[in-house]
Protein backbone atom coordinates (compact mmCIF):
# COMPACT_ATOMS: atom_id res chain seq x y z
CA MET A 1 -48.41 -15.45 -7.28
CA GLU A 2 -46.38 -18.68 -7.08
CA LEU A 3 -48.20 -20.08 -10.14
CA ARG A 4 -47.58 -16.90 -12.12
CA ARG A 5 -43.86 -17.03 -11.37
CA ALA A 6 -43.74 -20.68 -12.48
CA GLU A 7 -45.58 -19.87 -15.73
CA GLN A 8 -43.25 -16.93 -16.42
CA ALA A 9 -40.17 -19.07 -15.82
CA HIS A 10 -41.53 -21.73 -18.17
CA LYS A 11 -42.06 -19.15 -20.94
CA GLU A 12 -38.55 -17.78 -20.48
CA SER A 13 -37.09 -21.30 -20.86
CA ALA A 14 -38.84 -21.94 -24.19
CA GLY A 15 -36.26 -22.46 -26.93
CA VAL A 16 -33.52 -22.99 -24.35
CA VAL A 17 -31.50 -26.20 -24.02
CA PRO A 18 -29.20 -27.36 -21.22
CA ARG A 19 -25.45 -27.49 -21.62
CA ILE A 20 -24.01 -30.85 -22.63
CA HIS A 21 -20.92 -31.39 -20.48
CA ARG A 22 -17.58 -32.95 -21.28
CA PRO A 23 -16.84 -36.30 -19.63
CA GLY A 24 -14.79 -36.14 -16.47
CA GLY A 25 -13.96 -39.84 -16.37
CA PHE A 26 -14.32 -42.18 -13.42
CA GLU A 27 -11.64 -42.06 -10.75
CA VAL A 28 -11.97 -45.26 -8.73
CA ASP A 29 -10.44 -45.81 -5.29
CA ALA A 30 -10.49 -49.51 -4.44
CA SER A 31 -10.04 -48.74 -0.73
CA ILE A 32 -13.45 -47.05 -0.50
CA PRO A 33 -16.33 -49.38 0.53
CA SER A 34 -18.84 -50.21 -2.18
CA ARG A 35 -22.44 -49.08 -2.07
CA GLN A 36 -23.46 -52.59 -0.93
CA GLN A 37 -20.93 -52.52 1.90
CA CYS A 38 -22.14 -49.07 2.99
CA TRP A 39 -25.76 -50.22 2.73
CA ASP A 40 -24.99 -53.21 4.95
CA MET A 41 -23.60 -50.84 7.61
CA LEU A 42 -27.13 -49.55 8.19
CA GLU A 43 -29.37 -51.27 10.68
CA PRO A 44 -32.00 -53.51 9.02
CA GLY A 45 -34.80 -51.38 10.45
CA VAL A 46 -33.28 -48.25 8.91
CA ARG A 47 -33.06 -49.88 5.48
CA GLU A 48 -36.66 -51.06 5.70
CA LYS A 49 -37.87 -47.61 6.71
CA LEU A 50 -36.03 -46.01 3.79
CA ALA A 51 -37.71 -48.32 1.31
CA HIS A 52 -41.12 -47.79 2.94
CA LYS A 53 -40.81 -44.00 2.90
CA ALA A 54 -39.85 -44.07 -0.78
CA GLY A 55 -42.81 -46.32 -1.60
CA GLY A 56 -40.49 -48.99 -2.98
CA VAL A 57 -36.98 -49.08 -4.40
CA TRP A 58 -36.44 -48.00 -7.99
CA GLU A 59 -32.85 -46.85 -7.51
CA TRP A 60 -30.55 -46.66 -4.51
CA TRP A 61 -26.99 -45.75 -3.61
CA ALA A 62 -24.93 -45.52 -0.45
CA ARG A 63 -21.51 -44.23 0.56
CA LEU A 64 -19.52 -42.98 3.54
CA ASP A 65 -19.82 -39.36 4.63
CA HIS A 66 -16.78 -37.21 5.44
CA GLU A 67 -16.66 -38.67 8.95
CA GLY A 68 -16.82 -42.28 7.80
CA HIS A 69 -20.49 -42.89 8.65
CA PRO A 70 -22.79 -44.61 6.10
CA LYS A 71 -25.19 -42.44 4.14
CA ALA A 72 -27.86 -43.98 1.91
CA PHE A 73 -30.41 -42.80 -0.66
CA VAL A 74 -33.50 -44.51 -2.07
CA PHE A 75 -35.64 -43.22 -4.93
CA GLY A 76 -39.10 -44.67 -5.41
CA PRO A 77 -42.71 -43.80 -6.34
CA ARG A 78 -43.16 -41.54 -3.30
CA GLY A 79 -39.94 -39.60 -3.61
CA LEU A 80 -36.26 -39.39 -2.79
CA CYS A 81 -35.28 -40.47 0.73
CA GLN A 82 -31.93 -40.26 2.43
CA VAL A 83 -30.55 -41.28 5.80
CA GLY A 84 -27.33 -40.21 7.44
CA CYS A 85 -25.70 -39.91 10.83
CA VAL A 86 -25.96 -36.92 13.16
CA VAL A 87 -24.44 -36.54 16.62
CA ARG A 88 -26.87 -36.26 19.51
CA ASP A 89 -25.78 -36.24 23.13
CA GLY A 90 -22.34 -37.33 22.09
CA ARG A 91 -23.37 -40.31 19.99
CA ALA A 92 -24.12 -40.87 16.31
CA VAL A 93 -27.73 -41.64 15.41
CA PHE A 94 -29.45 -42.06 12.05
CA GLN A 95 -31.67 -39.27 10.75
CA GLY A 96 -33.78 -39.39 7.60
CA GLU A 97 -35.20 -36.86 5.13
CA ARG A 98 -37.58 -37.15 2.20
CA LEU A 99 -38.42 -35.14 -0.90
CA ARG A 100 -42.01 -36.07 -1.72
CA VAL A 101 -43.10 -36.19 -5.34
CA GLU A 102 -46.59 -35.65 -6.70
CA PRO A 103 -48.47 -38.98 -6.71
CA GLY A 104 -48.37 -40.70 -10.10
CA SER A 105 -46.21 -37.96 -11.61
CA VAL A 106 -42.92 -39.77 -12.15
CA ARG A 107 -41.87 -39.83 -15.79
CA ARG A 108 -39.48 -42.62 -16.80
CA ARG A 109 -37.33 -43.07 -19.87
CA SER A 110 -34.94 -45.85 -20.84
CA PHE A 111 -31.83 -45.26 -22.93
CA ALA A 112 -29.75 -47.89 -24.72
CA VAL A 113 -26.81 -46.08 -26.29
CA THR A 114 -23.71 -47.33 -28.08
CA GLY A 115 -21.33 -44.49 -28.79
CA ALA A 116 -22.28 -40.83 -28.53
CA GLY A 117 -25.44 -39.20 -29.83
CA THR A 118 -27.68 -42.26 -30.19
CA ALA A 119 -31.41 -41.78 -29.66
CA PRO A 120 -33.20 -43.31 -26.66
CA THR A 121 -34.99 -46.62 -27.21
CA THR A 122 -38.17 -46.00 -25.23
CA ALA A 123 -39.91 -43.27 -23.32
CA THR A 124 -42.63 -43.89 -20.78
CA GLY A 125 -44.75 -41.26 -19.03
CA PRO A 126 -46.83 -41.50 -15.84
CA ARG A 127 -49.66 -43.20 -17.75
CA GLY A 128 -47.43 -45.58 -19.63
CA ARG A 129 -47.58 -43.80 -22.97
CA ALA A 130 -44.43 -44.33 -25.03
CA ALA A 131 -42.71 -41.61 -27.03
CA ALA A 132 -39.24 -41.78 -28.54
CA THR A 133 -37.47 -38.43 -28.81
CA ARG A 134 -33.95 -37.51 -29.70
CA ALA A 135 -32.16 -35.11 -27.39
CA ALA A 136 -30.82 -32.85 -30.13
CA GLN A 137 -29.92 -29.22 -29.63
CA PRO A 138 -31.45 -27.07 -32.40
CA PRO A 139 -28.84 -24.82 -34.03
CA ALA A 140 -30.80 -21.71 -33.06
CA ALA A 141 -31.43 -22.77 -29.47
CA ALA A 142 -29.89 -20.84 -26.61
CA VAL A 143 -27.76 -22.97 -24.30
CA ARG A 144 -28.24 -22.38 -20.59
CA PRO A 145 -25.83 -23.94 -18.09
CA LEU A 146 -27.14 -25.03 -14.71
CA ASP A 147 -25.32 -24.10 -11.53
CA LEU A 148 -23.26 -27.29 -11.30
CA ALA A 149 -19.91 -27.64 -9.57
CA PRO A 150 -17.08 -28.86 -11.84
CA ALA A 151 -17.02 -32.28 -10.18
CA ALA A 152 -20.76 -32.76 -10.72
CA ALA A 153 -20.55 -31.55 -14.33
CA GLY A 154 -17.71 -33.99 -14.97
CA VAL A 155 -19.66 -36.98 -13.69
CA LEU A 156 -22.79 -35.94 -15.61
CA GLY A 157 -20.64 -35.45 -18.70
CA ASN A 158 -19.80 -39.15 -18.76
CA PHE A 159 -23.41 -39.93 -19.69
CA PRO A 160 -24.59 -39.78 -23.32
CA PRO A 161 -25.96 -36.36 -24.40
CA GLU A 162 -29.53 -37.68 -24.45
CA VAL A 163 -29.32 -38.60 -20.77
CA GLN A 164 -27.71 -35.28 -19.85
CA GLU A 165 -30.51 -33.43 -21.59
CA PHE A 166 -33.20 -35.45 -19.82
CA VAL A 167 -31.93 -34.94 -16.29
CA GLN A 168 -31.22 -31.21 -16.73
CA ARG A 169 -34.17 -29.97 -18.76
CA PRO A 170 -36.74 -29.79 -15.89
CA PHE A 171 -34.49 -27.27 -14.12
CA LEU A 172 -34.16 -24.79 -16.98
CA PRO A 173 -37.17 -22.72 -15.81
CA ASP A 174 -35.95 -22.71 -12.19
CA ASP A 175 -32.78 -24.25 -10.76
CA HIS A 176 -32.93 -22.39 -7.45
CA GLY A 177 -31.34 -24.46 -4.70
CA LEU A 178 -30.00 -27.05 -7.14
CA VAL A 179 -28.27 -29.99 -5.43
CA ALA A 180 -26.33 -32.71 -7.23
CA ASP A 181 -25.50 -36.11 -5.82
CA TRP A 182 -23.90 -39.15 -7.43
CA TYR A 183 -22.28 -42.50 -6.94
CA TYR A 184 -20.32 -44.85 -9.19
CA GLU A 185 -18.33 -48.04 -8.91
CA GLU A 186 -16.33 -50.10 -11.37
CA THR A 187 -16.29 -53.86 -11.96
CA LEU A 188 -13.55 -55.55 -13.97
CA GLU A 189 -14.55 -58.59 -16.04
CA LEU A 190 -12.55 -60.86 -18.34
CA THR A 191 -13.58 -59.10 -21.55
CA HIS A 192 -14.84 -55.72 -20.39
CA ARG A 193 -15.14 -53.08 -17.69
CA LYS A 194 -18.45 -52.08 -16.18
CA VAL A 195 -19.22 -48.86 -14.35
CA PHE A 196 -22.48 -48.51 -12.47
CA VAL A 197 -23.47 -44.84 -12.08
CA VAL A 198 -26.28 -42.97 -10.34
CA PHE A 199 -26.65 -39.20 -10.78
CA CYS A 200 -29.37 -37.17 -9.07
CA LEU A 201 -30.43 -33.52 -9.34
CA SER A 202 -32.96 -31.85 -7.06
CA ALA A 203 -34.13 -28.27 -6.57
CA GLU A 204 -37.20 -26.41 -5.33
CA ARG A 205 -39.60 -27.89 -7.90
CA HIS A 206 -38.16 -31.04 -9.46
CA VAL A 207 -36.03 -34.11 -8.92
CA THR A 208 -34.34 -36.19 -11.61
CA VAL A 209 -32.36 -39.42 -11.38
CA ALA A 210 -30.25 -41.26 -13.96
CA ALA A 211 -29.01 -44.75 -13.08
CA GLY A 212 -27.24 -47.05 -15.47
CA THR A 213 -24.29 -49.14 -16.52
CA ARG A 214 -21.50 -48.33 -18.94
CA THR A 215 -19.98 -51.44 -20.54
CA LEU A 216 -16.60 -50.90 -22.17
CA PRO A 217 -14.91 -53.82 -23.99
CA ARG A 218 -11.20 -54.10 -23.28
CA GLY A 219 -9.10 -52.22 -25.80
CA ARG A 220 -11.92 -49.81 -26.71
CA GLN A 221 -12.15 -46.08 -26.03
CA PRO A 222 -14.79 -44.62 -23.64
CA HIS A 223 -16.76 -43.12 -26.54
CA GLN A 224 -17.25 -46.67 -27.89
CA ALA A 225 -18.91 -47.95 -24.71
CA ARG A 226 -22.48 -49.13 -24.43
CA TRP A 227 -24.80 -47.38 -21.97
CA ASP A 228 -28.01 -48.78 -20.51
CA VAL A 229 -29.66 -46.09 -18.42
CA GLU A 230 -32.99 -45.66 -16.64
CA CYS A 231 -34.03 -42.05 -16.02
CA TYR A 232 -36.73 -40.53 -13.82
CA GLU A 233 -38.20 -37.05 -13.47
CA ALA A 234 -40.93 -35.76 -11.17
CA PRO A 235 -42.22 -32.49 -9.70
CA ILE A 236 -41.70 -32.16 -5.97
CA ARG A 237 -44.84 -32.10 -3.88
CA ARG A 238 -45.18 -28.77 -2.14
CA ALA A 239 -46.63 -28.78 1.37
């Protein structure tokens, strides 16, 4: 029955494309600790366990939760792992969770984009086969928006359309329980500004991650920036 529902959802999503969102910009608060500072707040054993559970570190991010405790995420070959603080017997302790992915199923794609609408440079599947595809929306295609909060849509909208399409497409057949998470930080250089961004979507069946850097020369507009992004997509392993 579960397989039939999945097949039906896939058929219904044929000819459908995800919504490409408008950029929300990057509001930076210099008083907030960086991801490295938040990562360093974790005990060494906790960091090691995160990396081990994920099967290695492809991408990671960390921040403070609403109570000021560090919260960290690691994405690797075995899945998406997170650790945060919970209160037990009156004291805060670290607790971890993991979304397992099907072994060998992670699909990766690299994007090197200058300006809007540029095609990705390479595409690599689980077996290392390359395929370059342009994330174009056919005129006759139906656009389906995912259930994203405005803040999440704004952060995702900063990415080039090709990246937005990649991270959203797996959820078109089924976005039940969709969760968005993200992190970004800005670095000012002599000749340019750099923003490092990670954006993650997860639901009942899939997880996607986009992590990259936007380089904007001083005096240029955001649409003239260069993006270098690594994207990942994988089906979640069902127990």
